[in-house]
Amino acid sequence: MDCSEYILLIISFCCAGGMSSGLEKTVYGSLEGPTLLSITLELQNFTVQFSDARWKRSALNGGTKTSTFLAIYDGKNYTNYMKERIKFHPENFSLEILKTARTDAGHYEYTVNKHFEEQSLQFQLEVYERVSVPDIQLVSRTLGNESCSMNLSCVVSSGDNVTYSWNCSEGNTSQLHPYNGSFLHLSFTPGEGSVSCSCTARNRVSQQTTRFSSSVECSNKPGGSLRNELLVSIVPIAIVGVGVLVFGAGVTCWLRHRGQEEHSQQEKKESITIYSQVQRVEQQKRSRTRPVVKISECTTIYVSATGLPPDMAQPPNPGLVTIYDIVMPVTS
């Protein structure tokens, strides 16, 4: 081995001793909740022994890797560079993100300097939204001659990367497809009376479960229970509909008859005159009864006369009759 090979060997050994060695750990953080990054017991002992450790976060910006220091520990004191968002625990040298956001996802690293060597532990943080309580919905139900089938759906309103699983206490679960999914198909035989299933929705940070129970109405008679179910559901509706129609027709006839009676009574009231006080009409007494003179052609009646009329000298006209009521003498 020549000198050049020895030199390359020494350089390789030195480089290997100065390089950072460590493992990578995946941590799942809950959105809007706290996330704790804990180091191993070995690193805790190294930190106590060498008293030189730091937390940092690495990110790629435009293809360039950048590091941001979050906390530094020197054996006696520690410095927290992001007090509003993170907390450093000096008792075990862990780092806690107080309120995890989606932007906190990424690469974190804890490093202990052991003089000429670094011991580190890397973390890959993934952030997930917690799942909500699932809702089980009856999608469809089919009733046949000798079997029944039911389709259920399990959904959540919130959550990232949600998976579903079912667990049924009764029913024929051998034909479930898919068993681990949001959709569940059940088949029953006429001897089964009810079914109870639970759906669990989960992701990396949470899980929720909801139960579902339903009666199984299967018929082992010819003709199938689908027809029976239709009859059971349609006949009451038809009876109620007929009853409503009959009641409506009766009310209409009663209102029409009542309207006719009221109209007839109104006409009677309008044609009858009722007097509250009746008096006999008496003829007025006249002071003097005037004889009725039948005049053939013309009659002149004087109520009062003070003298003879100017035409007395003329011969009387047989067709003219003059009657004086009161005659007074002429005074000179």
Protein backbone atom coordinates (compact mmCIF):
# COMPACT_ATOMS: atom_id res chain seq x y z
CA MET A 1 0.00 0.00 0.00
CA ASP A 2 1.55 3.29 -1.10
CA CYS A 3 1.36 6.65 0.64
CA SER A 4 -1.59 7.88 -1.38
CA GLU A 5 -3.73 4.98 -0.23
CA TYR A 6 -2.84 5.64 3.40
CA ILE A 7 -3.75 9.28 3.01
CA LEU A 8 -7.17 8.40 1.50
CA LEU A 9 -7.82 5.94 4.31
CA ILE A 10 -7.00 8.54 6.98
CA ILE A 11 -9.24 11.13 5.28
CA SER A 12 -12.12 8.65 5.05
CA PHE A 13 -11.77 7.77 8.75
CA CYS A 14 -11.75 11.40 9.80
CA CYS A 15 -14.73 12.23 7.65
CA ALA A 16 -16.66 9.27 9.03
CA GLY A 17 -15.90 10.35 12.59
CA GLY A 18 -17.08 13.90 11.95
CA MET A 19 -20.29 12.96 10.17
CA SER A 20 -23.60 12.95 11.92
CA SER A 21 -25.06 9.49 12.46
CA GLY A 22 -28.64 8.88 13.52
CA LEU A 23 -32.05 7.42 12.77
CA GLU A 24 -35.26 8.89 11.37
CA LYS A 25 -38.55 8.64 13.22
CA THR A 26 -42.03 9.45 11.86
CA VAL A 27 -44.32 11.41 14.15
CA TYR A 28 -48.02 12.02 13.50
CA GLY A 29 -49.34 15.32 14.77
CA SER A 30 -52.98 16.25 15.42
CA LEU A 31 -54.17 19.43 13.75
CA GLU A 32 -54.83 22.22 16.27
CA GLY A 33 -53.48 20.00 19.06
CA PRO A 34 -50.09 19.60 20.79
CA THR A 35 -47.39 17.43 19.27
CA LEU A 36 -44.46 16.07 21.29
CA LEU A 37 -41.07 15.17 19.75
CA SER A 38 -39.29 12.87 22.22
CA ILE A 39 -35.69 11.65 22.00
CA THR A 40 -34.35 8.25 23.00
CA LEU A 41 -32.91 7.43 26.40
CA GLU A 42 -29.46 7.05 24.84
CA LEU A 43 -29.57 10.61 23.52
CA GLN A 44 -30.75 11.85 26.88
CA ASN A 45 -27.64 10.29 28.50
CA PHE A 46 -25.38 11.81 25.84
CA THR A 47 -26.96 15.21 26.45
CA VAL A 48 -26.30 14.98 30.18
CA GLN A 49 -22.73 13.82 29.52
CA PHE A 50 -21.66 16.33 26.87
CA SER A 51 -24.07 19.22 27.64
CA ASP A 52 -24.24 20.47 24.08
CA ALA A 53 -27.45 19.83 22.18
CA ARG A 54 -29.78 21.63 19.81
CA TRP A 55 -33.16 21.32 18.10
CA LYS A 56 -33.47 22.51 14.51
CA ARG A 57 -35.87 22.26 11.61
CA SER A 58 -34.79 21.66 8.03
CA ALA A 59 -36.69 22.72 4.94
CA LEU A 60 -36.18 22.97 1.21
CA ASN A 61 -36.59 26.44 -0.25
CA GLY A 62 -36.20 26.50 -4.01
CA GLY A 63 -34.09 23.37 -4.00
CA THR A 64 -31.82 24.68 -1.24
CA LYS A 65 -31.84 23.05 2.19
CA THR A 66 -32.07 25.54 5.07
CA SER A 67 -32.01 24.93 8.82
CA THR A 68 -33.71 26.94 11.55
CA PHE A 69 -32.65 26.56 15.19
CA LEU A 70 -35.58 26.08 17.56
CA ALA A 71 -33.86 25.49 20.93
CA ILE A 72 -30.26 25.13 22.28
CA TYR A 73 -29.12 23.47 25.50
CA ASP A 74 -25.63 24.09 26.98
CA GLY A 75 -25.79 22.01 30.13
CA LYS A 76 -26.98 24.74 32.49
CA ASN A 77 -29.34 26.87 30.48
CA TYR A 78 -31.43 26.55 27.39
CA THR A 79 -32.67 29.03 24.81
CA ASN A 80 -36.11 28.77 23.17
CA TYR A 81 -36.21 30.70 19.90
CA MET A 82 -39.95 30.24 19.32
CA LYS A 83 -41.62 30.66 22.70
CA GLU A 84 -45.01 31.46 21.13
CA ARG A 85 -45.23 28.16 19.29
CA ILE A 86 -42.95 25.59 20.93
CA LYS A 87 -41.89 24.49 24.41
CA PHE A 88 -38.56 22.89 25.39
CA HIS A 89 -38.66 20.39 28.26
CA PRO A 90 -35.22 20.39 30.02
CA GLU A 91 -36.11 17.33 32.13
CA ASN A 92 -36.04 15.01 29.11
CA PHE A 93 -34.88 17.42 26.34
CA SER A 94 -38.05 16.88 24.29
CA LEU A 95 -39.67 19.51 22.08
CA GLU A 96 -43.42 20.23 22.13
CA ILE A 97 -45.32 22.07 19.41
CA LEU A 98 -48.15 23.77 21.31
CA LYS A 99 -50.75 24.21 18.57
CA THR A 100 -49.88 22.15 15.54
CA ALA A 101 -50.63 23.66 12.13
CA ARG A 102 -50.37 22.11 8.72
CA THR A 103 -47.32 24.28 8.04
CA ASP A 104 -45.50 22.55 10.92
CA ALA A 105 -45.23 19.35 8.91
CA GLY A 106 -41.68 18.66 7.85
CA HIS A 107 -38.22 17.54 8.98
CA TYR A 108 -36.89 18.06 12.55
CA GLU A 109 -33.55 17.05 14.04
CA TYR A 110 -32.07 16.76 17.54
CA THR A 111 -28.26 16.73 17.69
CA VAL A 112 -25.76 16.15 20.54
CA ASN A 113 -22.14 17.24 20.04
CA LYS A 114 -19.74 14.63 21.44
CA HIS A 115 -16.51 16.62 20.93
CA PHE A 116 -15.45 15.41 17.45
CA GLU A 117 -18.63 13.45 16.77
CA GLU A 118 -22.34 14.25 16.50
CA GLN A 119 -25.15 11.95 17.55
CA SER A 120 -28.53 12.91 16.13
CA LEU A 121 -32.12 11.77 15.84
CA GLN A 122 -34.28 12.94 12.93
CA PHE A 123 -38.07 13.32 12.88
CA GLN A 124 -40.51 13.48 10.01
CA LEU A 125 -43.68 15.20 11.22
CA GLU A 126 -47.00 14.52 9.44
CA VAL A 127 -50.08 16.52 10.43
CA TYR A 128 -53.61 15.05 10.29
CA GLU A 129 -57.05 16.42 11.11
CA ARG A 130 -58.93 14.36 13.68
CA VAL A 131 -61.89 12.32 12.42
CA SER A 132 -65.41 13.25 13.43
CA VAL A 133 -68.05 10.83 14.70
CA PRO A 134 -69.13 8.68 11.72
CA ASP A 135 -72.70 8.61 10.47
CA ILE A 136 -74.20 5.30 9.33
CA GLN A 137 -76.87 5.57 6.63
CA LEU A 138 -79.17 2.87 5.26
CA VAL A 139 -78.60 3.13 1.51
CA SER A 140 -80.96 0.38 0.36
CA ARG A 141 -82.74 -2.77 1.48
CA THR A 142 -83.93 -5.61 -0.74
CA LEU A 143 -86.34 -8.30 0.41
CA GLY A 144 -86.62 -11.49 -1.63
CA ASN A 145 -88.32 -14.84 -1.38
CA GLU A 146 -85.78 -16.57 0.81
CA SER A 147 -83.22 -13.86 1.68
CA CYS A 148 -82.75 -10.22 2.54
CA SER A 149 -79.94 -7.80 1.75
CA MET A 150 -79.02 -4.45 3.20
CA ASN A 151 -76.49 -1.82 2.11
CA LEU A 152 -74.98 0.53 4.67
CA SER A 153 -72.74 3.55 4.23
CA CYS A 154 -70.39 5.02 6.85
CA VAL A 155 -69.17 8.59 6.36
CA VAL A 156 -67.45 11.33 8.39
CA SER A 157 -67.66 15.08 7.98
CA SER A 158 -64.02 15.80 8.82
CA GLY A 159 -60.69 13.98 8.99
CA ASP A 160 -57.61 13.30 6.84
CA ASN A 161 -56.77 9.94 5.30
CA VAL A 162 -59.71 8.19 6.96
CA THR A 163 -60.10 4.40 6.85
CA TYR A 164 -63.23 2.44 7.83
CA SER A 165 -63.86 -0.96 9.40
CA TRP A 166 -67.07 -2.81 10.33
CA ASN A 167 -67.95 -5.27 13.06
CA CYS A 168 -71.34 -7.01 13.04
CA SER A 169 -72.64 -9.13 15.89
CA GLU A 170 -75.35 -10.84 13.83
CA GLY A 171 -75.99 -11.54 10.17
CA ASN A 172 -74.13 -13.31 7.41
CA THR A 173 -70.78 -11.51 7.43
CA SER A 174 -69.07 -13.98 5.14
CA GLN A 175 -70.26 -12.09 2.05
CA LEU A 176 -69.11 -8.63 3.16
CA HIS A 177 -67.35 -6.75 0.40
CA PRO A 178 -65.42 -4.72 1.20
CA TYR A 179 -65.19 -5.37 4.92
CA ASN A 180 -62.70 -2.54 5.49
CA GLY A 181 -64.43 0.26 3.66
CA SER A 182 -67.12 2.87 4.00
CA PHE A 183 -69.67 0.68 2.17
CA LEU A 184 -71.07 -2.51 3.73
CA HIS A 185 -73.29 -5.15 2.15
CA LEU A 186 -75.21 -7.53 4.43
CA SER A 187 -77.29 -10.59 3.56
CA PHE A 188 -79.67 -12.41 5.87
CA THR A 189 -81.76 -15.55 6.05
CA PRO A 190 -85.42 -15.70 7.18
CA GLY A 191 -84.41 -17.07 10.59
CA GLU A 192 -82.48 -13.94 11.59
CA GLY A 193 -84.51 -11.31 13.45
CA SER A 194 -82.14 -8.33 13.79
CA VAL A 195 -78.66 -7.11 13.01
CA SER A 196 -76.29 -4.84 14.92
CA CYS A 197 -73.16 -3.39 13.33
CA SER A 198 -70.56 -0.84 14.35
CA CYS A 199 -68.47 1.32 12.03
CA THR A 200 -65.09 2.66 13.13
CA ALA A 201 -63.47 5.57 11.32
CA ARG A 202 -59.79 6.16 12.05
CA ASN A 203 -56.65 7.86 10.87
CA ARG A 204 -53.12 8.27 12.25
CA VAL A 205 -54.16 10.51 15.16
CA SER A 206 -57.76 9.56 16.13
CA GLN A 207 -60.66 7.16 15.76
CA GLN A 208 -64.45 7.25 16.33
CA THR A 209 -67.11 4.51 16.39
CA THR A 210 -70.85 4.48 15.72
CA ARG A 211 -73.30 1.59 16.16
CA PHE A 212 -76.28 0.68 13.97
CA SER A 213 -79.15 -1.69 14.78
CA SER A 214 -82.09 -2.72 12.61
CA SER A 215 -84.72 -5.42 12.46
CA VAL A 216 -84.55 -7.97 9.66
CA GLU A 217 -87.87 -8.60 7.92
CA CYS A 218 -87.44 -11.66 5.74
CA SER A 219 -90.24 -13.91 4.52
CA ASN A 220 -89.96 -17.61 3.75
CA LYS A 221 -93.35 -17.69 2.05
CA PRO A 222 -93.80 -17.77 -1.72
CA GLY A 223 -94.19 -14.39 -3.24
CA GLY A 224 -91.48 -12.79 -1.16
CA SER A 225 -91.64 -10.28 1.62
CA LEU A 226 -90.96 -7.40 -0.75
CA ARG A 227 -94.55 -7.63 -1.86
CA ASN A 228 -95.71 -7.94 1.72
CA GLU A 229 -93.65 -4.96 2.73
CA LEU A 230 -95.10 -2.94 -0.11
CA LEU A 231 -98.61 -3.95 0.90
CA VAL A 232 -97.93 -3.14 4.53
CA SER A 233 -96.66 0.29 3.60
CA ILE A 234 -99.19 1.11 0.84
CA VAL A 235 -102.45 -0.15 2.38
CA PRO A 236 -102.40 2.16 5.42
CA ILE A 237 -101.60 5.08 3.16
CA ALA A 238 -104.50 4.18 0.86
CA ILE A 239 -106.90 3.84 3.81
CA VAL A 240 -105.86 7.20 5.16
CA GLY A 241 -106.24 8.75 1.70
CA VAL A 242 -109.75 7.36 1.25
CA GLY A 243 -110.72 8.55 4.72
CA VAL A 244 -109.47 12.03 3.94
CA LEU A 245 -111.45 12.10 0.67
CA VAL A 246 -114.66 10.91 2.37
CA PHE A 247 -114.26 13.42 5.16
CA GLY A 248 -113.59 16.20 2.66
CA ALA A 249 -116.68 15.28 0.61
CA GLY A 250 -118.86 15.22 3.75
CA VAL A 251 -117.61 18.61 4.87
CA THR A 252 -118.22 20.04 1.38
CA CYS A 253 -121.83 18.74 1.26
CA TRP A 254 -122.51 20.03 4.77
CA LEU A 255 -121.17 23.47 3.92
CA ARG A 256 -123.19 23.57 0.69
CA HIS A 257 -126.44 22.54 2.49
CA ARG A 258 -125.83 25.06 5.22
CA GLY A 259 -125.21 27.78 2.65
CA GLN A 260 -128.51 27.00 0.91
CA GLU A 261 -130.43 27.17 4.21
CA GLU A 262 -128.84 30.48 5.11
CA HIS A 263 -129.68 31.87 1.65
CA SER A 264 -133.35 30.75 1.95
CA GLN A 265 -133.69 32.29 5.39
CA GLN A 266 -132.17 35.50 4.10
CA GLU A 267 -134.76 35.70 1.29
CA LYS A 268 -137.59 35.16 3.79
CA LYS A 269 -136.28 37.89 6.01
CA GLU A 270 -136.15 40.29 3.06
CA SER A 271 -139.85 39.64 1.95
CA ILE A 272 -141.52 40.04 5.38
CA THR A 273 -142.22 43.49 6.91
CA ILE A 274 -142.71 43.59 10.65
CA TYR A 275 -144.32 46.65 12.30
CA SER A 276 -143.48 47.34 15.88
CA GLN A 277 -146.60 49.61 16.31
CA VAL A 278 -149.79 49.67 14.25
CA GLN A 279 -152.45 52.43 14.41
CA ARG A 280 -155.79 52.61 12.63
CA VAL A 281 -155.99 55.32 10.02
CA GLU A 282 -158.96 57.62 10.67
CA GLN A 283 -160.44 59.81 8.05
CA GLN A 284 -160.23 63.48 8.73
CA LYS A 285 -163.51 65.07 9.62
CA ARG A 286 -164.53 67.81 7.32
CA SER A 287 -166.46 70.81 8.64
CA ARG A 288 -168.74 70.80 5.68
CA THR A 289 -169.59 68.12 3.25
CA ARG A 290 -169.37 69.37 -0.25
CA PRO A 291 -171.83 67.90 -2.66
CA VAL A 292 -170.34 66.26 -5.65
CA VAL A 293 -171.89 67.75 -8.74
CA LYS A 294 -171.75 65.81 -11.86
CA ILE A 295 -170.88 68.16 -14.63
CA SER A 296 -171.30 67.13 -18.10
CA GLU A 297 -168.82 69.40 -19.72
CA CYS A 298 -167.45 72.27 -17.55
CA THR A 299 -168.00 73.43 -13.99
CA THR A 300 -166.78 76.67 -12.38
CA ILE A 301 -166.60 76.76 -8.59
CA TYR A 302 -166.15 80.02 -6.71
CA VAL A 303 -165.04 79.75 -3.14
CA SER A 304 -165.84 83.37 -2.34
CA ALA A 305 -167.56 86.05 -4.34
CA THR A 306 -168.09 89.71 -3.52
CA GLY A 307 -170.31 90.57 -6.42
CA LEU A 308 -171.91 89.34 -9.51
CA PRO A 309 -169.62 88.22 -12.26
CA PRO A 310 -169.38 90.53 -15.23
CA ASP A 311 -170.94 88.07 -17.61
CA MET A 312 -174.23 87.61 -15.76
CA ALA A 313 -176.07 89.66 -18.35
CA GLN A 314 -175.29 87.17 -21.03
CA PRO A 315 -177.66 84.30 -21.56
CA PRO A 316 -176.69 81.17 -19.69
CA ASN A 317 -174.80 78.46 -21.49
CA PRO A 318 -176.48 75.15 -21.09
CA GLY A 319 -173.07 73.40 -21.04
CA LEU A 320 -171.66 75.62 -18.27
CA VAL A 321 -172.55 75.37 -14.56
CA THR A 322 -171.48 77.95 -11.96
CA ILE A 323 -171.52 77.16 -8.22
CA TYR A 324 -170.97 79.76 -5.46
CA ASP A 325 -169.82 78.63 -2.10
CA ILE A 326 -170.15 81.91 -0.23
CA VAL A 327 -171.83 85.04 -1.58
CA MET A 328 -171.35 88.33 0.18
CA PRO A 329 -173.26 91.62 -0.62
CA VAL A 330 -171.40 94.38 -2.28
CA THR A 331 -170.73 97.32 -0.03
CA SER A 332 -170.50 100.80 -1.50
